[in-house]
Amino acid sequence: DKVNNRALPKALKELKSQLKGCTYSIFDASTVGTAIFNNPSKYGFEEVKMACCGSGPLRASITCSQKVYQLRDNVSEYFFFDRIHPTEKANYQFAKLMWDGSCHG
């Protein structure tokens, strides 16, 4: 939540002053996710709302471990693999943005 998000940098600075050699970085996954959802093609996605695998509306009713589900062939075009898990490509995009140190949404 926003209170924790504001408190974290201060707590980390205090911890760094107490622990010699401590380094840290903060990654705002919410901001990055919003940037990807607002401009999916910039990050190489065709679909950011519907899951690649599942059933029901948005293929989000059940996971792919159930007996009845739909699985798309073009997994790399989707942000979500199932109703909970990002695709490999989505995880790669998060890692890339995390290591690059910026998100230009």
Protein backbone atom coordinates (compact mmCIF):
# COMPACT_ATOMS: atom_id res chain seq x y z
CA ASP A 1 0.00 0.00 0.00
CA LYS A 2 1.00 3.63 -0.36
CA VAL A 3 1.94 4.08 3.31
CA ASN A 4 4.42 1.20 3.12
CA ASN A 5 5.73 2.43 -0.22
CA ARG A 6 6.53 5.82 1.31
CA ALA A 7 8.03 4.31 4.46
CA LEU A 8 10.31 1.81 2.72
CA PRO A 9 12.97 4.24 1.41
CA LYS A 10 13.33 5.83 4.84
CA ALA A 11 13.61 2.44 6.56
CA LEU A 12 16.22 1.29 4.04
CA LYS A 13 18.29 4.45 4.54
CA GLU A 14 18.24 3.86 8.29
CA LEU A 15 19.24 0.23 7.79
CA LYS A 16 22.06 1.23 5.46
CA SER A 17 23.44 3.60 8.11
CA GLN A 18 23.46 0.71 10.60
CA LEU A 19 24.92 -1.96 8.31
CA LYS A 20 28.30 -1.17 6.83
CA GLY A 21 28.43 -2.03 3.12
CA CYS A 22 24.67 -2.45 2.79
CA THR A 23 23.34 -1.58 -0.64
CA TYR A 24 19.80 -1.78 -1.94
CA SER A 25 17.57 -0.80 -4.79
CA ILE A 26 13.85 -0.20 -4.99
CA PHE A 27 11.74 -1.36 -7.92
CA ASP A 28 8.20 -0.06 -8.31
CA ALA A 29 6.46 -3.00 -10.00
CA SER A 30 3.11 -1.23 -9.88
CA THR A 31 4.34 1.71 -11.95
CA VAL A 32 6.03 -0.62 -14.43
CA GLY A 33 2.90 -2.78 -14.71
CA THR A 34 0.80 0.32 -15.36
CA ALA A 35 3.24 1.47 -18.05
CA ILE A 36 3.04 -1.94 -19.75
CA PHE A 37 -0.76 -2.05 -19.51
CA ASN A 38 -1.08 1.49 -20.89
CA ASN A 39 1.22 0.84 -23.85
CA PRO A 40 1.51 -2.94 -24.36
CA SER A 41 2.89 -2.79 -27.90
CA LYS A 42 5.88 -0.75 -26.68
CA TYR A 43 6.86 -3.77 -24.59
CA GLY A 44 5.99 -6.34 -27.25
CA PHE A 45 2.58 -7.47 -25.98
CA GLU A 46 -0.65 -7.85 -27.92
CA GLU A 47 -2.82 -8.79 -24.92
CA VAL A 48 -2.50 -7.56 -21.32
CA LYS A 49 -6.00 -8.19 -19.97
CA MET A 50 -6.84 -11.72 -21.08
CA ALA A 51 -4.75 -14.68 -19.91
CA CYS A 52 -3.12 -17.03 -22.40
CA CYS A 53 -4.40 -20.11 -20.59
CA GLY A 54 -7.61 -20.67 -18.64
CA SER A 55 -11.35 -20.58 -19.14
CA GLY A 56 -14.26 -18.21 -18.76
CA PRO A 57 -14.22 -14.45 -19.20
CA LEU A 58 -10.68 -13.27 -19.90
CA ARG A 59 -9.59 -16.93 -19.44
CA ALA A 60 -9.29 -16.16 -15.74
CA SER A 61 -11.86 -18.49 -14.15
CA ILE A 62 -9.60 -21.50 -13.59
CA THR A 63 -5.94 -22.27 -13.97
CA CYS A 64 -4.44 -24.45 -16.67
CA SER A 65 -4.10 -27.39 -14.32
CA GLN A 66 -7.84 -28.06 -14.60
CA LYS A 67 -9.36 -30.46 -17.15
CA VAL A 68 -11.18 -27.84 -19.24
CA TYR A 69 -9.23 -24.82 -20.39
CA GLN A 70 -8.14 -22.92 -23.49
CA LEU A 71 -4.47 -22.46 -24.34
CA ARG A 72 -3.32 -20.03 -26.99
CA ASP A 73 -0.37 -20.85 -29.26
CA ASN A 74 1.07 -17.34 -29.19
CA VAL A 75 2.08 -17.19 -25.51
CA SER A 76 4.67 -14.46 -26.12
CA GLU A 77 1.92 -12.00 -27.10
CA TYR A 78 0.29 -12.24 -23.65
CA PHE A 79 1.24 -10.58 -20.38
CA PHE A 80 -0.56 -13.18 -18.22
CA PHE A 81 -0.08 -16.91 -18.69
CA ASP A 82 -2.98 -17.79 -16.40
CA ARG A 83 -5.12 -15.71 -14.06
CA ILE A 84 -2.23 -15.19 -11.63
CA HIS A 85 1.12 -15.77 -13.31
CA PRO A 86 2.86 -13.52 -15.81
CA THR A 87 4.31 -15.12 -18.92
CA GLU A 88 8.03 -15.70 -19.33
CA LYS A 89 8.15 -12.63 -21.57
CA ALA A 90 6.43 -10.49 -18.91
CA ASN A 91 8.91 -11.65 -16.28
CA TYR A 92 11.74 -10.87 -18.69
CA GLN A 93 10.36 -7.35 -19.25
CA PHE A 94 10.16 -6.73 -15.49
CA ALA A 95 13.71 -7.99 -14.99
CA LYS A 96 15.01 -5.92 -17.90
CA LEU A 97 13.37 -2.76 -16.58
CA MET A 98 14.59 -3.54 -13.07
CA TRP A 99 18.20 -3.93 -14.19
CA ASP A 100 18.08 -1.00 -16.62
CA GLY A 101 16.93 1.19 -13.75
CA SER A 102 14.17 3.05 -15.51
CA CYS A 103 10.72 2.74 -16.96
CA HIS A 104 9.62 5.17 -19.60
CA GLY A 105 5.86 4.70 -19.61
